[in-house]
PDB file of N, CA and C in Angstrom:
ATOM      1  N   UNK A   1      46.658 -20.706  -8.614  1.00  0.00           N
ATOM      2  CA  UNK A   1      45.587 -20.411  -7.673  1.00  0.00           C
ATOM      3  C   UNK A   1      45.933 -19.076  -6.994  1.00  0.00           C
ATOM      4  N   UNK A   2      45.178 -18.041  -7.348  1.00  0.00           N
ATOM      5  CA  UNK A   2      45.352 -16.723  -6.744  1.00  0.00           C
ATOM      6  C   UNK A   2      44.146 -16.438  -5.867  1.00  0.00           C
ATOM      7  N   UNK A   3      44.273 -16.732  -4.589  1.00  0.00           N
ATOM      8  CA  UNK A   3      43.172 -16.503  -3.657  1.00  0.00           C
ATOM      9  C   UNK A   3      43.534 -15.318  -2.772  1.00  0.00           C
ATOM     10  N   UNK A   4      42.591 -14.420  -2.635  1.00  0.00           N
ATOM     11  CA  UNK A   4      42.791 -13.236  -1.821  1.00  0.00           C
ATOM     12  C   UNK A   4      41.457 -12.838  -1.204  1.00  0.00           C
ATOM     13  N   UNK A   5      41.466 -12.003  -0.157  1.00  0.00           N
ATOM     14  CA  UNK A   5      40.204 -11.581   0.468  1.00  0.00           C
ATOM     15  C   UNK A   5      39.301 -10.876  -0.538  1.00  0.00           C
ATOM     16  N   UNK A   6      38.011 -11.020  -0.352  1.00  0.00           N
ATOM     17  CA  UNK A   6      37.033 -10.366  -1.223  1.00  0.00           C
ATOM     18  C   UNK A   6      36.625  -9.050  -0.564  1.00  0.00           C
ATOM     19  N   UNK A   7      37.054  -7.946  -1.181  1.00  0.00           N
ATOM     20  CA  UNK A   7      36.768  -6.625  -0.623  1.00  0.00           C
ATOM     21  C   UNK A   7      35.724  -5.871  -1.430  1.00  0.00           C
ATOM     22  N   UNK A   8      35.621  -6.180  -2.707  1.00  0.00           N
ATOM     23  CA  UNK A   8      34.725  -5.417  -3.584  1.00  0.00           C
ATOM     24  C   UNK A   8      33.751  -6.347  -4.296  1.00  0.00           C
ATOM     25  N   UNK A   9      32.773  -5.733  -4.916  1.00  0.00           N
ATOM     26  CA  UNK A   9      31.801  -6.481  -5.712  1.00  0.00           C
ATOM     27  C   UNK A   9      32.513  -7.180  -6.879  1.00  0.00           C
ATOM     28  N   UNK A  10      33.525  -6.548  -7.419  1.00  0.00           N
ATOM     29  CA  UNK A  10      34.298  -7.150  -8.516  1.00  0.00           C
ATOM     30  C   UNK A  10      35.028  -8.397  -8.031  1.00  0.00           C
ATOM     31  N   UNK A  11      35.652  -8.306  -6.848  1.00  0.00           N
ATOM     32  CA  UNK A  11      36.317  -9.482  -6.269  1.00  0.00           C
ATOM     33  C   UNK A  11      35.316 -10.622  -6.100  1.00  0.00           C
ATOM     34  N   UNK A  12      34.149 -10.276  -5.587  1.00  0.00           N
ATOM     35  CA  UNK A  12      33.075 -11.253  -5.354  1.00  0.00           C
ATOM     36  C   UNK A  12      32.645 -11.908  -6.669  1.00  0.00           C
ATOM     37  N   UNK A  13      32.389 -11.090  -7.691  1.00  0.00           N
ATOM     38  CA  UNK A  13      31.957 -11.628  -8.989  1.00  0.00           C
ATOM     39  C   UNK A  13      33.037 -12.487  -9.633  1.00  0.00           C
ATOM     40  N   UNK A  14      34.294 -12.091  -9.482  1.00  0.00           N
ATOM     41  CA  UNK A  14      35.396 -12.896 -10.013  1.00  0.00           C
ATOM     42  C   UNK A  14      35.463 -14.254  -9.309  1.00  0.00           C
ATOM     43  N   UNK A  15      35.262 -14.247  -7.996  1.00  0.00           N
ATOM     44  CA  UNK A  15      35.279 -15.503  -7.241  1.00  0.00           C
ATOM     45  C   UNK A  15      34.118 -16.399  -7.669  1.00  0.00           C
ATOM     46  N   UNK A  16      32.947 -15.815  -7.891  1.00  0.00           N
ATOM     47  CA  UNK A  16      31.797 -16.608  -8.366  1.00  0.00           C
ATOM     48  C   UNK A  16      32.082 -17.213  -9.742  1.00  0.00           C
ATOM     49  N   UNK A  17      32.696 -16.429 -10.607  1.00  0.00           N
ATOM     50  CA  UNK A  17      33.046 -16.940 -11.944  1.00  0.00           C
ATOM     51  C   UNK A  17      34.031 -18.094 -11.849  1.00  0.00           C
ATOM     52  N   UNK A  18      35.005 -17.952 -10.961  1.00  0.00           N
ATOM     53  CA  UNK A  18      36.003 -19.017 -10.797  1.00  0.00           C
ATOM     54  C   UNK A  18      35.355 -20.279 -10.246  1.00  0.00           C
ATOM     55  N   UNK A  19      34.420 -20.121  -9.321  1.00  0.00           N
ATOM     56  CA  UNK A  19      33.720 -21.292  -8.782  1.00  0.00           C
ATOM     57  C   UNK A  19      32.969 -22.013  -9.904  1.00  0.00           C
ATOM     58  N   UNK A  20      32.354 -21.242 -10.796  1.00  0.00           N
ATOM     59  CA  UNK A  20      31.667 -21.869 -11.937  1.00  0.00           C
ATOM     60  C   UNK A  20      32.636 -22.703 -12.770  1.00  0.00           C
ATOM     61  N   UNK A  21      33.851 -22.225 -12.935  1.00  0.00           N
ATOM     62  CA  UNK A  21      34.851 -22.927 -13.743  1.00  0.00           C
ATOM     63  C   UNK A  21      35.318 -24.227 -13.096  1.00  0.00           C
ATOM     64  N   UNK A  22      35.433 -24.244 -11.768  1.00  0.00           N
ATOM     65  CA  UNK A  22      36.025 -25.413 -11.088  1.00  0.00           C
ATOM     66  C   UNK A  22      35.004 -26.177 -10.237  1.00  0.00           C
ATOM     67  N   UNK A  23      33.730 -25.966 -10.505  1.00  0.00           N
ATOM     68  CA  UNK A  23      32.674 -26.536  -9.674  1.00  0.00           C
ATOM     69  C   UNK A  23      32.741 -28.052  -9.559  1.00  0.00           C
ATOM     70  N   UNK A  24      33.200 -28.733 -10.564  1.00  0.00           N
ATOM     71  CA  UNK A  24      33.255 -30.199 -10.569  1.00  0.00           C
ATOM     72  C   UNK A  24      34.564 -30.747  -9.996  1.00  0.00           C
ATOM     73  N   UNK A  25      35.392 -29.888  -9.419  1.00  0.00           N
ATOM     74  CA  UNK A  25      36.693 -30.322  -8.898  1.00  0.00           C
ATOM     75  C   UNK A  25      36.517 -31.367  -7.800  1.00  0.00           C
ATOM     76  N   UNK A  26      37.403 -32.325  -7.796  1.00  0.00           N
ATOM     77  CA  UNK A  26      37.378 -33.401  -6.800  1.00  0.00           C
ATOM     78  C   UNK A  26      38.021 -32.932  -5.496  1.00  0.00           C
ATOM     79  N   UNK A  27      37.455 -33.314  -4.345  1.00  0.00           N
ATOM     80  CA  UNK A  27      38.051 -32.960  -3.054  1.00  0.00           C
ATOM     81  C   UNK A  27      39.469 -33.520  -2.946  1.00  0.00           C
ATOM     82  N   UNK A  28      40.341 -32.743  -2.298  1.00  0.00           N
ATOM     83  CA  UNK A  28      41.708 -33.202  -2.094  1.00  0.00           C
ATOM     84  C   UNK A  28      42.649 -32.853  -3.229  1.00  0.00           C
ATOM     85  N   UNK A  29      42.123 -32.310  -4.309  1.00  0.00           N
ATOM     86  CA  UNK A  29      42.969 -31.859  -5.414  1.00  0.00           C
ATOM     87  C   UNK A  29      43.218 -30.361  -5.234  1.00  0.00           C
ATOM     88  N   UNK A  30      44.220 -29.827  -5.932  1.00  0.00           N
ATOM     89  CA  UNK A  30      44.453 -28.375  -5.824  1.00  0.00           C
ATOM     90  C   UNK A  30      43.195 -27.560  -6.186  1.00  0.00           C
ATOM     91  N   UNK A  31      42.498 -27.965  -7.244  1.00  0.00           N
ATOM     92  CA  UNK A  31      41.272 -27.237  -7.607  1.00  0.00           C
ATOM     93  C   UNK A  31      40.163 -27.468  -6.584  1.00  0.00           C
ATOM     94  N   UNK A  32      40.124 -28.648  -5.997  1.00  0.00           N
ATOM     95  CA  UNK A  32      39.145 -28.929  -4.950  1.00  0.00           C
ATOM     96  C   UNK A  32      39.390 -28.063  -3.728  1.00  0.00           C
ATOM     97  N   UNK A  33      40.668 -27.884  -3.380  1.00  0.00           N
ATOM     98  CA  UNK A  33      41.023 -27.011  -2.255  1.00  0.00           C
ATOM     99  C   UNK A  33      40.659 -25.557  -2.574  1.00  0.00           C
ATOM    100  N   UNK A  34      40.940 -25.148  -3.803  1.00  0.00           N
ATOM    101  CA  UNK A  34      40.597 -23.789  -4.234  1.00  0.00           C
ATOM    102  C   UNK A  34      39.085 -23.568  -4.161  1.00  0.00           C
ATOM    103  N   UNK A  35      38.329 -24.543  -4.594  1.00  0.00           N
ATOM    104  CA  UNK A  35      36.869 -24.463  -4.552  1.00  0.00           C
ATOM    105  C   UNK A  35      36.378 -24.294  -3.115  1.00  0.00           C
ATOM    106  N   UNK A  36      36.952 -25.066  -2.217  1.00  0.00           N
ATOM    107  CA  UNK A  36      36.555 -24.982  -0.804  1.00  0.00           C
ATOM    108  C   UNK A  36      36.872 -23.613  -0.213  1.00  0.00           C
ATOM    109  N   UNK A  37      38.068 -23.108  -0.457  1.00  0.00           N
ATOM    110  CA  UNK A  37      38.474 -21.811   0.086  1.00  0.00           C
ATOM    111  C   UNK A  37      37.636 -20.686  -0.520  1.00  0.00           C
ATOM    112  N   UNK A  38      37.407 -20.737  -1.816  1.00  0.00           N
ATOM    113  CA  UNK A  38      36.566 -19.708  -2.452  1.00  0.00           C
ATOM    114  C   UNK A  38      35.155 -19.733  -1.889  1.00  0.00           C
ATOM    115  N   UNK A  39      34.638 -20.912  -1.629  1.00  0.00           N
ATOM    116  CA  UNK A  39      33.304 -21.029  -1.038  1.00  0.00           C
ATOM    117  C   UNK A  39      33.229 -20.337   0.312  1.00  0.00           C
ATOM    118  N   UNK A  40      34.271 -20.505   1.112  1.00  0.00           N
ATOM    119  CA  UNK A  40      34.329 -19.859   2.437  1.00  0.00           C
ATOM    120  C   UNK A  40      34.408 -18.343   2.285  1.00  0.00           C
ATOM    121  N   UNK A  41      35.263 -17.881   1.379  1.00  0.00           N
ATOM    122  CA  UNK A  41      35.415 -16.436   1.165  1.00  0.00           C
ATOM    123  C   UNK A  41      34.110 -15.811   0.663  1.00  0.00           C
ATOM    124  N   UNK A  42      33.448 -16.479  -0.251  1.00  0.00           N
ATOM    125  CA  UNK A  42      32.174 -15.971  -0.782  1.00  0.00           C
ATOM    126  C   UNK A  42      31.119 -15.931   0.306  1.00  0.00           C
ATOM    127  N   UNK A  43      31.057 -16.976   1.112  1.00  0.00           N
ATOM    128  CA  UNK A  43      30.080 -17.023   2.209  1.00  0.00           C
ATOM    129  C   UNK A  43      30.299 -15.855   3.169  1.00  0.00           C
ATOM    130  N   UNK A  44      31.534 -15.596   3.547  1.00  0.00           N
ATOM    131  CA  UNK A  44      31.839 -14.496   4.461  1.00  0.00           C
ATOM    132  C   UNK A  44      31.520 -13.142   3.843  1.00  0.00           C
ATOM    133  N   UNK A  45      31.832 -12.970   2.576  1.00  0.00           N
ATOM    134  CA  UNK A  45      31.521 -11.715   1.879  1.00  0.00           C
ATOM    135  C   UNK A  45      30.022 -11.481   1.864  1.00  0.00           C
ATOM    136  N   UNK A  46      29.252 -12.532   1.546  1.00  0.00           N
ATOM    137  CA  UNK A  46      27.787 -12.408   1.500  1.00  0.00           C
ATOM    138  C   UNK A  46      27.206 -12.087   2.868  1.00  0.00           C
ATOM    139  N   UNK A  47      27.765 -12.669   3.921  1.00  0.00           N
ATOM    140  CA  UNK A  47      27.284 -12.362   5.279  1.00  0.00           C
ATOM    141  C   UNK A  47      27.507 -10.890   5.617  1.00  0.00           C
ATOM    142  N   UNK A  48      28.641 -10.337   5.178  1.00  0.00           N
ATOM    143  CA  UNK A  48      28.937  -8.924   5.452  1.00  0.00           C
ATOM    144  C   UNK A  48      28.117  -7.990   4.564  1.00  0.00           C
ATOM    145  N   UNK A  49      28.040  -8.305   3.290  1.00  0.00           N
ATOM    146  CA  UNK A  49      27.419  -7.393   2.331  1.00  0.00           C
ATOM    147  C   UNK A  49      25.904  -7.532   2.211  1.00  0.00           C
ATOM    148  N   UNK A  50      25.398  -8.727   2.455  1.00  0.00           N
ATOM    149  CA  UNK A  50      23.968  -8.986   2.295  1.00  0.00           C
ATOM    150  C   UNK A  50      23.419  -9.687   3.532  1.00  0.00           C
ATOM    151  N   UNK A  51      23.516  -9.040   4.693  1.00  0.00           N
ATOM    152  CA  UNK A  51      23.066  -9.720   5.912  1.00  0.00           C
ATOM    153  C   UNK A  51      21.566 -10.008   5.869  1.00  0.00           C
ATOM    154  N   UNK A  52      21.203 -11.146   6.400  1.00  0.00           N
ATOM    155  CA  UNK A  52      19.803 -11.538   6.478  1.00  0.00           C
ATOM    156  C   UNK A  52      19.391 -11.400   7.931  1.00  0.00           C
ATOM    157  N   UNK A  53      18.490 -10.483   8.169  1.00  0.00           N
ATOM    158  CA  UNK A  53      18.023 -10.283   9.532  1.00  0.00           C
ATOM    159  C   UNK A  53      16.799 -11.146   9.778  1.00  0.00           C
ATOM    160  N   UNK A  54      16.584 -11.473  11.015  1.00  0.00           N
ATOM    161  CA  UNK A  54      15.407 -12.255  11.381  1.00  0.00           C
ATOM    162  C   UNK A  54      14.168 -11.389  11.230  1.00  0.00           C
ATOM    163  N   UNK A  55      13.059 -12.002  10.859  1.00  0.00           N
ATOM    164  CA  UNK A  55      11.837 -11.218  10.705  1.00  0.00           C
ATOM    165  C   UNK A  55      11.298 -10.743  12.046  1.00  0.00           C
ATOM    166  N   UNK A  56      10.545  -9.677  12.010  1.00  0.00           N
ATOM    167  CA  UNK A  56       9.832  -9.196  13.182  1.00  0.00           C
ATOM    168  C   UNK A  56       8.884 -10.305  13.644  1.00  0.00           C
ATOM    169  N   UNK A  57       8.753 -10.532  14.945  1.00  0.00           N
ATOM    170  CA  UNK A  57       7.898 -11.619  15.433  1.00  0.00           C
ATOM    171  C   UNK A  57       6.455 -11.566  14.907  1.00  0.00           C
ATOM    172  N   UNK A  58       5.858 -10.382  14.899  1.00  0.00           N
ATOM    173  CA  UNK A  58       4.472 -10.264  14.418  1.00  0.00           C
ATOM    174  C   UNK A  58       4.405 -10.579  12.927  1.00  0.00           C
ATOM    175  N   UNK A  59       5.379 -10.091  12.174  1.00  0.00           N
ATOM    176  CA  UNK A  59       5.409 -10.391  10.737  1.00  0.00           C
ATOM    177  C   UNK A  59       5.615 -11.884  10.498  1.00  0.00           C
ATOM    178  N   UNK A  60       6.401 -12.529  11.354  1.00  0.00           N
ATOM    179  CA  UNK A  60       6.597 -13.976  11.238  1.00  0.00           C
ATOM    180  C   UNK A  60       5.292 -14.719  11.495  1.00  0.00           C
ATOM    181  N   UNK A  61       4.516 -14.260  12.470  1.00  0.00           N
ATOM    182  CA  UNK A  61       3.217 -14.882  12.763  1.00  0.00           C
ATOM    183  C   UNK A  61       2.291 -14.704  11.567  1.00  0.00           C
ATOM    184  N   UNK A  62       2.222 -13.500  11.025  1.00  0.00           N
ATOM    185  CA  UNK A  62       1.355 -13.227   9.864  1.00  0.00           C
ATOM    186  C   UNK A  62       1.759 -14.095   8.672  1.00  0.00           C
ATOM    187  N   UNK A  63       3.065 -14.186   8.439  1.00  0.00           N
ATOM    188  CA  UNK A  63       3.562 -14.976   7.315  1.00  0.00           C
ATOM    189  C   UNK A  63       3.191 -16.446   7.475  1.00  0.00           C
ATOM    190  N   UNK A  64       3.405 -16.981   8.670  1.00  0.00           N
ATOM    191  CA  UNK A  64       3.091 -18.392   8.914  1.00  0.00           C
ATOM    192  C   UNK A  64       1.596 -18.648   8.795  1.00  0.00           C
ATOM    193  N   UNK A  65       0.787 -17.703   9.288  1.00  0.00           N
ATOM    194  CA  UNK A  65      -0.668 -17.844   9.153  1.00  0.00           C
ATOM    195  C   UNK A  65      -1.054 -17.893   7.675  1.00  0.00           C
ATOM    196  N   UNK A  66      -0.436 -17.030   6.884  1.00  0.00           N
ATOM    197  CA  UNK A  66      -0.719 -17.014   5.448  1.00  0.00           C
ATOM    198  C   UNK A  66      -0.317 -18.343   4.806  1.00  0.00           C
ATOM    199  N   UNK A  67       0.857 -18.849   5.184  1.00  0.00           N
ATOM    200  CA  UNK A  67       1.310 -20.133   4.642  1.00  0.00           C
ATOM    201  C   UNK A  67       0.321 -21.252   4.940  1.00  0.00           C
ATOM    202  N   UNK A  68      -0.236 -21.235   6.144  1.00  0.00           N
ATOM    203  CA  UNK A  68      -1.144 -22.295   6.581  1.00  0.00           C
ATOM    204  C   UNK A  68      -2.602 -22.011   6.241  1.00  0.00           C
ATOM    205  N   UNK A  69      -2.866 -20.851   5.657  1.00  0.00           N
ATOM    206  CA  UNK A  69      -4.237 -20.490   5.311  1.00  0.00           C
ATOM    207  C   UNK A  69      -5.090 -20.193   6.535  1.00  0.00           C
ATOM    208  N   UNK A  70      -4.468 -19.667   7.592  1.00  0.00           N
ATOM    209  CA  UNK A  70      -5.189 -19.372   8.826  1.00  0.00           C
ATOM    210  C   UNK A  70      -5.682 -17.931   8.837  1.00  0.00           C
ATOM    211  N   UNK A  71      -6.785 -17.713   9.524  1.00  0.00           N
ATOM    212  CA  UNK A  71      -7.360 -16.383   9.668  1.00  0.00           C
ATOM    213  C   UNK A  71      -7.091 -15.869  11.081  1.00  0.00           C
ATOM    214  N   UNK A  72      -7.469 -14.623  11.298  1.00  0.00           N
ATOM    215  CA  UNK A  72      -7.354 -14.050  12.641  1.00  0.00           C
ATOM    216  C   UNK A  72      -8.237 -14.826  13.613  1.00  0.00           C
ATOM    217  N   UNK A  73      -9.374 -15.309  13.140  1.00  0.00           N
ATOM    218  CA  UNK A  73     -10.264 -16.127  13.976  1.00  0.00           C
ATOM    219  C   UNK A  73      -9.575 -17.414  14.394  1.00  0.00           C
ATOM    220  N   UNK A  74      -8.834 -18.031  13.479  1.00  0.00           N
ATOM    221  CA  UNK A  74      -8.092 -19.243  13.813  1.00  0.00           C
ATOM    222  C   UNK A  74      -7.034 -18.952  14.884  1.00  0.00           C
ATOM    223  N   UNK A  75      -6.361 -17.807  14.746  1.00  0.00           N
ATOM    224  CA  UNK A  75      -5.367 -17.430  15.748  1.00  0.00           C
ATOM    225  C   UNK A  75      -6.042 -17.197  17.100  1.00  0.00           C
ATOM    226  N   UNK A  76      -7.205 -16.563  17.068  1.00  0.00           N
ATOM    227  CA  UNK A  76      -7.946 -16.310  18.312  1.00  0.00           C
ATOM    228  C   UNK A  76      -8.298 -17.623  19.009  1.00  0.00           C
ATOM    229  N   UNK A  77      -8.707 -18.606  18.238  1.00  0.00           N
ATOM    230  CA  UNK A  77      -9.016 -19.920  18.825  1.00  0.00           C
ATOM    231  C   UNK A  77      -7.769 -20.537  19.450  1.00  0.00           C
ATOM    232  N   UNK A  78      -6.649 -20.349  18.810  1.00  0.00           N
ATOM    233  CA  UNK A  78      -5.395 -20.912  19.306  1.00  0.00           C
ATOM    234  C   UNK A  78      -4.959 -20.258  20.612  1.00  0.00           C
ATOM    235  N   UNK A  79      -5.038 -18.931  20.667  1.00  0.00           N
ATOM    236  CA  UNK A  79      -4.527 -18.251  21.863  1.00  0.00           C
ATOM    237  C   UNK A  79      -5.620 -17.932  22.881  1.00  0.00           C
ATOM    238  N   UNK A  80      -6.872 -18.124  22.500  1.00  0.00           N
ATOM    239  CA  UNK A  80      -7.949 -18.017  23.477  1.00  0.00           C
ATOM    240  C   UNK A  80      -8.710 -16.713  23.534  1.00  0.00           C
ATOM    241  N   UNK A  81      -8.392 -15.747  22.683  1.00  0.00           N
ATOM    242  CA  UNK A  81      -9.092 -14.469  22.750  1.00  0.00           C
ATOM    243  C   UNK A  81      -9.037 -13.757  21.403  1.00  0.00           C
ATOM    244  N   UNK A  82     -10.214 -13.368  20.909  1.00  0.00           N
ATOM    245  CA  UNK A  82     -10.297 -12.661  19.634  1.00  0.00           C
ATOM    246  C   UNK A  82      -9.637 -11.280  19.733  1.00  0.00           C
ATOM    247  N   UNK A  83      -9.902 -10.575  20.850  1.00  0.00           N
ATOM    248  CA  UNK A  83      -9.321  -9.240  21.001  1.00  0.00           C
ATOM    249  C   UNK A  83      -7.803  -9.311  21.154  1.00  0.00           C
ATOM    250  N   UNK A  84      -7.310 -10.319  21.856  1.00  0.00           N
ATOM    251  CA  UNK A  84      -5.858 -10.476  22.029  1.00  0.00           C
ATOM    252  C   UNK A  84      -5.196 -10.774  20.681  1.00  0.00           C
ATOM    253  N   UNK A  85      -5.831 -11.616  19.876  1.00  0.00           N
ATOM    254  CA  UNK A  85      -5.288 -11.918  18.549  1.00  0.00           C
ATOM    255  C   UNK A  85      -5.215 -10.641  17.716  1.00  0.00           C
ATOM    256  N   UNK A  86      -6.261  -9.833  17.767  1.00  0.00           N
ATOM    257  CA  UNK A  86      -6.290  -8.574  17.026  1.00  0.00           C
ATOM    258  C   UNK A  86      -5.190  -7.633  17.505  1.00  0.00           C
ATOM    259  N   UNK A  87      -5.029  -7.520  18.809  1.00  0.00           N
ATOM    260  CA  UNK A  87      -3.999  -6.638  19.372  1.00  0.00           C
ATOM    261  C   UNK A  87      -2.600  -7.105  18.997  1.00  0.00           C
ATOM    262  N   UNK A  88      -2.375  -8.406  18.997  1.00  0.00           N
ATOM    263  CA  UNK A  88      -1.061  -8.952  18.632  1.00  0.00           C
ATOM    264  C   UNK A  88      -0.769  -8.658  17.170  1.00  0.00           C
ATOM    265  N   UNK A  89      -1.728  -8.944  16.302  1.00  0.00           N
ATOM    266  CA  UNK A  89      -1.513  -8.761  14.869  1.00  0.00           C
ATOM    267  C   UNK A  89      -1.377  -7.294  14.479  1.00  0.00           C
ATOM    268  N   UNK A  90      -1.974  -6.396  15.246  1.00  0.00           N
ATOM    269  CA  UNK A  90      -1.853  -4.968  14.949  1.00  0.00           C
ATOM    270  C   UNK A  90      -0.630  -4.349  15.619  1.00  0.00           C
ATOM    271  N   UNK A  91       0.082  -5.128  16.438  1.00  0.00           N
ATOM    272  CA  UNK A  91       1.280  -4.632  17.094  1.00  0.00           C
ATOM    273  C   UNK A  91       1.005  -3.865  18.370  1.00  0.00           C
ATOM    274  N   UNK A  92      -0.216  -3.914  18.863  1.00  0.00           N
ATOM    275  CA  UNK A  92      -0.569  -3.177  20.085  1.00  0.00           C
ATOM    276  C   UNK A  92      -0.283  -3.977  21.350  1.00  0.00           C
ATOM    277  N   UNK A  93      -0.061  -5.273  21.206  1.00  0.00           N
ATOM    278  CA  UNK A  93       0.219  -6.126  22.362  1.00  0.00           C
ATOM    279  C   UNK A  93       1.432  -6.983  22.048  1.00  0.00           C
ATOM    280  N   UNK A  94       2.334  -7.068  23.009  1.00  0.00           N
ATOM    281  CA  UNK A  94       3.510  -7.936  22.877  1.00  0.00           C
ATOM    282  C   UNK A  94       3.102  -9.390  23.056  1.00  0.00           C
ATOM    283  N   UNK A  95       3.924 -10.267  22.538  1.00  0.00           N
ATOM    284  CA  UNK A  95       3.685 -11.692  22.703  1.00  0.00           C
ATOM    285  C   UNK A  95       4.059 -12.106  24.120  1.00  0.00           C
ATOM    286  N   UNK A  96       3.137 -12.744  24.806  1.00  0.00           N
ATOM    287  CA  UNK A  96       3.441 -13.265  26.141  1.00  0.00           C
ATOM    288  C   UNK A  96       4.185 -14.585  25.992  1.00  0.00           C
ATOM    289  N   UNK A  97       4.794 -15.029  27.071  1.00  0.00           N
ATOM    290  CA  UNK A  97       5.513 -16.296  27.034  1.00  0.00           C
ATOM    291  C   UNK A  97       4.571 -17.446  26.686  1.00  0.00           C
ATOM    292  N   UNK A  98       3.347 -17.411  27.213  1.00  0.00           N
ATOM    293  CA  UNK A  98       2.359 -18.447  26.920  1.00  0.00           C
ATOM    294  C   UNK A  98       2.032 -18.468  25.425  1.00  0.00           C
ATOM    295  N   UNK A  99       1.837 -17.295  24.840  1.00  0.00           N
ATOM    296  CA  UNK A  99       1.511 -17.202  23.409  1.00  0.00           C
ATOM    297  C   UNK A  99       2.717 -17.633  22.571  1.00  0.00           C
ATOM    298  N   UNK A 100       3.910 -17.249  22.984  1.00  0.00           N
ATOM    299  CA  UNK A 100       5.119 -17.673  22.262  1.00  0.00           C
ATOM    300  C   UNK A 100       5.208 -19.194  22.246  1.00  0.00           C
ATOM    301  N   UNK A 101       4.957 -19.812  23.378  1.00  0.00           N
ATOM    302  CA  UNK A 101       4.994 -21.286  23.429  1.00  0.00           C
ATOM    303  C   UNK A 101       3.948 -21.891  22.496  1.00  0.00           C
ATOM    304  N   UNK A 102       2.732 -21.352  22.508  1.00  0.00           N
ATOM    305  CA  UNK A 102       1.674 -21.868  21.639  1.00  0.00           C
ATOM    306  C   UNK A 102       2.041 -21.726  20.161  1.00  0.00           C
ATOM    307  N   UNK A 103       2.531 -20.549  19.792  1.00  0.00           N
ATOM    308  CA  UNK A 103       2.892 -20.310  18.393  1.00  0.00           C
ATOM    309  C   UNK A 103       4.045 -21.208  17.966  1.00  0.00           C
ATOM    310  N   UNK A 104       4.977 -21.422  18.864  1.00  0.00           N
ATOM    311  CA  UNK A 104       6.096 -22.309  18.577  1.00  0.00           C
ATOM    312  C   UNK A 104       5.617 -23.750  18.396  1.00  0.00           C
ATOM    313  N   UNK A 105       4.778 -24.218  19.301  1.00  0.00           N
ATOM    314  CA  UNK A 105       4.324 -25.606  19.266  1.00  0.00           C
ATOM    315  C   UNK A 105       3.290 -25.871  18.171  1.00  0.00           C
ATOM    316  N   UNK A 106       2.329 -24.975  18.020  1.00  0.00           N
ATOM    317  CA  UNK A 106       1.205 -25.222  17.100  1.00  0.00           C
ATOM    318  C   UNK A 106       1.467 -24.757  15.674  1.00  0.00           C
ATOM    319  N   UNK A 107       2.230 -23.667  15.523  1.00  0.00           N
ATOM    320  CA  UNK A 107       2.486 -23.146  14.176  1.00  0.00           C
ATOM    321  C   UNK A 107       3.919 -23.382  13.719  1.00  0.00           C
ATOM    322  N   UNK A 108       4.728 -23.988  14.597  1.00  0.00           N
ATOM    323  CA  UNK A 108       6.133 -24.294  14.283  1.00  0.00           C
ATOM    324  C   UNK A 108       6.947 -23.058  13.898  1.00  0.00           C
ATOM    325  N   UNK A 109       6.684 -21.951  14.583  1.00  0.00           N
ATOM    326  CA  UNK A 109       7.498 -20.751  14.387  1.00  0.00           C
ATOM    327  C   UNK A 109       8.648 -20.846  15.386  1.00  0.00           C
ATOM    328  N   UNK A 110       9.887 -20.727  14.915  1.00  0.00           N
ATOM    329  CA  UNK A 110      11.025 -20.854  15.832  1.00  0.00           C
ATOM    330  C   UNK A 110      10.946 -19.871  16.998  1.00  0.00           C
ATOM    331  N   UNK A 111      11.215 -20.365  18.182  1.00  0.00           N
ATOM    332  CA  UNK A 111      11.144 -19.541  19.391  1.00  0.00           C
ATOM    333  C   UNK A 111      12.095 -18.353  19.318  1.00  0.00           C
ATOM    334  N   UNK A 112      13.274 -18.537  18.719  1.00  0.00           N
ATOM    335  CA  UNK A 112      14.232 -17.433  18.658  1.00  0.00           C
ATOM    336  C   UNK A 112      13.693 -16.248  17.860  1.00  0.00           C
ATOM    337  N   UNK A 113      12.814 -16.500  16.911  1.00  0.00           N
ATOM    338  CA  UNK A 113      12.177 -15.403  16.169  1.00  0.00           C
ATOM    339  C   UNK A 113      11.117 -14.732  17.033  1.00  0.00           C
ATOM    340  N   UNK A 114      10.329 -15.530  17.719  1.00  0.00           N
ATOM    341  CA  UNK A 114       9.240 -14.994  18.542  1.00  0.00           C
ATOM    342  C   UNK A 114       9.747 -14.235  19.767  1.00  0.00           C
ATOM    343  N   UNK A 115      10.934 -14.566  20.246  1.00  0.00           N
ATOM    344  CA  UNK A 115      11.475 -13.940  21.459  1.00  0.00           C
ATOM    345  C   UNK A 115      12.193 -12.623  21.194  1.00  0.00           C
ATOM    346  N   UNK A 116      12.346 -12.234  19.942  1.00  0.00           N
ATOM    347  CA  UNK A 116      13.018 -10.975  19.624  1.00  0.00           C
ATOM    348  C   UNK A 116      12.181  -9.782  20.064  1.00  0.00           C
ATOM    349  N   UNK A 117      12.842  -8.653  20.151  1.00  0.00           N
ATOM    350  CA  UNK A 117      12.131  -7.399  20.381  1.00  0.00           C
ATOM    351  C   UNK A 117      11.240  -7.137  19.181  1.00  0.00           C
ATOM    352  N   UNK A 118      10.022  -6.729  19.417  1.00  0.00           N
ATOM    353  CA  UNK A 118       9.102  -6.425  18.329  1.00  0.00           C
ATOM    354  C   UNK A 118       9.252  -4.959  17.955  1.00  0.00           C
ATOM    355  N   UNK A 119       9.441  -4.717  16.671  1.00  0.00           N
ATOM    356  CA  UNK A 119       9.630  -3.335  16.226  1.00  0.00           C
ATOM    357  C   UNK A 119       8.313  -2.604  16.059  1.00  0.00           C
ATOM    358  N   UNK A 120       7.204  -3.348  15.978  1.00  0.00           N
ATOM    359  CA  UNK A 120       5.912  -2.704  15.732  1.00  0.00           C
ATOM    360  C   UNK A 120       5.133  -2.404  17.000  1.00  0.00           C
ATOM    361  N   UNK A 121       5.640  -2.810  18.161  1.00  0.00           N
ATOM    362  CA  UNK A 121       4.915  -2.574  19.404  1.00  0.00           C
ATOM    363  C   UNK A 121       4.928  -1.090  19.721  1.00  0.00           C
ATOM    364  N   UNK A 122       3.742  -0.552  19.978  1.00  0.00           N
ATOM    365  CA  UNK A 122       3.637   0.894  20.242  1.00  0.00           C
ATOM    366  C   UNK A 122       3.949   1.202  21.694  1.00  0.00           C
TER     367      UNK A 122
END
């Protein structure tokens, strides 16, 4: 068992190949321990090399609306104003706390996404 930090793409690919070889290893065995440690190293490498950022709040609203088949009119009914819905979707208006609560409760968009700074606000 030669385990070392993953610094390069080659190290990463070698670790993935090794995981494929020992994937069926039983916990508590030397190969099972190796599998667990390699999994941790790969996870950390992926977090550093391929970070996943949270979506922009407005983009998250648009995406969720698309998933649910909702229109801008549906959003307007939810938040109470057609012009406000238009301004939010175009990035001209920030999400208010009241709107964040509604979107969280009615569309199940996580609050932590909605509370981020919006990059599209002018």
